[in-house]
Amino acid sequence: MSDSHYVYVLECADGTFYTGYTTDVQRRVSDHQAGEGAKYTRGRTPVELVHVESYDDRGEAMSREYEVKQLSRAAKERLVEA
């Protein structure tokens, strides 16, 4: 079992971004692709993984997920480009 916690950003087919938290990035992206992920990404497939951050602490990762979700679109674009 992995002790890593991840914050990830997907770019949806309509050009929007989705930010999430998981302990298994590949499984979670597969869930989104299959329409079994978040309600937001259903109907916006295919999705592309464009950014991942890794944390050892769940709380830290979830706090970061919240931070990223609060960013403006322009700030998310800069994050993805970095």
Protein backbone atom coordinates (compact mmCIF):
# COMPACT_ATOMS: atom_id res chain seq x y z
CA MET A 1 0.00 0.00 0.00
CA SER A 2 1.36 3.40 -1.00
CA ASP A 3 1.80 6.09 1.61
CA SER A 4 1.76 8.83 -1.03
CA HIS A 5 -1.11 11.23 -1.49
CA TYR A 6 -1.59 13.10 -4.74
CA VAL A 7 -3.24 16.25 -5.97
CA TYR A 8 -3.91 16.09 -9.69
CA VAL A 9 -5.30 18.34 -12.40
CA LEU A 10 -7.15 17.03 -15.44
CA GLU A 11 -7.92 18.95 -18.57
CA CYS A 12 -11.35 17.96 -19.83
CA ALA A 13 -12.42 17.70 -23.47
CA ASP A 14 -14.23 21.05 -23.19
CA GLY A 15 -11.00 22.77 -22.08
CA THR A 16 -11.94 23.10 -18.41
CA PHE A 17 -9.78 21.93 -15.52
CA TYR A 18 -10.72 19.47 -12.78
CA THR A 19 -8.67 19.17 -9.58
CA GLY A 20 -8.79 16.13 -7.32
CA TYR A 21 -7.09 14.13 -4.58
CA THR A 22 -6.18 10.44 -4.67
CA THR A 23 -3.71 7.82 -3.48
CA ASP A 24 -3.60 6.16 -6.92
CA VAL A 25 -3.40 8.58 -9.83
CA GLN A 26 -3.62 6.08 -12.69
CA ARG A 27 -6.65 4.33 -11.23
CA ARG A 28 -8.37 7.63 -10.61
CA VAL A 29 -7.72 8.91 -14.14
CA SER A 30 -9.09 5.62 -15.48
CA ASP A 31 -12.20 6.12 -13.33
CA HIS A 32 -12.70 9.58 -14.81
CA GLN A 33 -12.20 8.27 -18.36
CA ALA A 34 -14.80 5.56 -17.77
CA GLY A 35 -17.36 8.06 -16.48
CA GLU A 36 -17.03 6.68 -12.96
CA GLY A 37 -15.03 9.58 -11.52
CA ALA A 38 -16.41 12.87 -10.34
CA LYS A 39 -19.79 14.06 -11.53
CA TYR A 40 -18.05 17.08 -13.07
CA THR A 41 -15.94 15.02 -15.46
CA ARG A 42 -18.82 12.85 -16.70
CA GLY A 43 -19.72 14.06 -20.14
CA ARG A 44 -16.44 15.96 -20.40
CA THR A 45 -14.31 13.00 -21.48
CA PRO A 46 -11.77 12.31 -22.66
CA VAL A 47 -9.70 13.86 -19.89
CA GLU A 48 -5.96 14.38 -19.89
CA LEU A 49 -3.74 14.34 -16.80
CA VAL A 50 -1.83 17.64 -16.95
CA HIS A 51 -0.40 18.09 -13.43
CA VAL A 52 0.43 15.94 -10.38
CA GLU A 53 1.84 16.83 -6.96
CA SER A 54 2.87 14.23 -4.37
CA TYR A 55 2.63 14.54 -0.57
CA ASP A 56 3.49 12.23 2.32
CA ASP A 57 0.68 13.60 4.47
CA ARG A 58 -3.01 13.26 3.61
CA GLY A 59 -3.98 16.49 5.33
CA GLU A 60 -1.33 18.44 3.46
CA ALA A 61 -2.50 17.00 0.13
CA MET A 62 -6.14 17.80 0.84
CA SER A 63 -5.24 21.34 1.88
CA ARG A 64 -3.33 21.76 -1.36
CA GLU A 65 -6.27 20.37 -3.35
CA TYR A 66 -8.47 23.06 -1.80
CA GLU A 67 -5.88 25.75 -2.63
CA VAL A 68 -5.67 24.66 -6.26
CA LYS A 69 -9.45 24.55 -6.58
CA GLN A 70 -9.59 28.18 -5.43
CA LEU A 71 -7.13 29.36 -8.11
CA SER A 72 -8.32 31.36 -11.08
CA ARG A 73 -8.21 29.75 -14.50
CA ALA A 74 -5.13 31.84 -15.39
CA ALA A 75 -3.35 30.66 -12.24
CA LYS A 76 -4.24 27.03 -13.00
CA GLU A 77 -2.86 27.47 -16.52
CA ARG A 78 0.42 28.76 -15.05
CA LEU A 79 0.53 25.81 -12.63
CA VAL A 80 0.02 23.33 -15.48
CA GLU A 81 2.70 25.02 -17.62
CA ALA A 82 5.27 24.99 -14.80
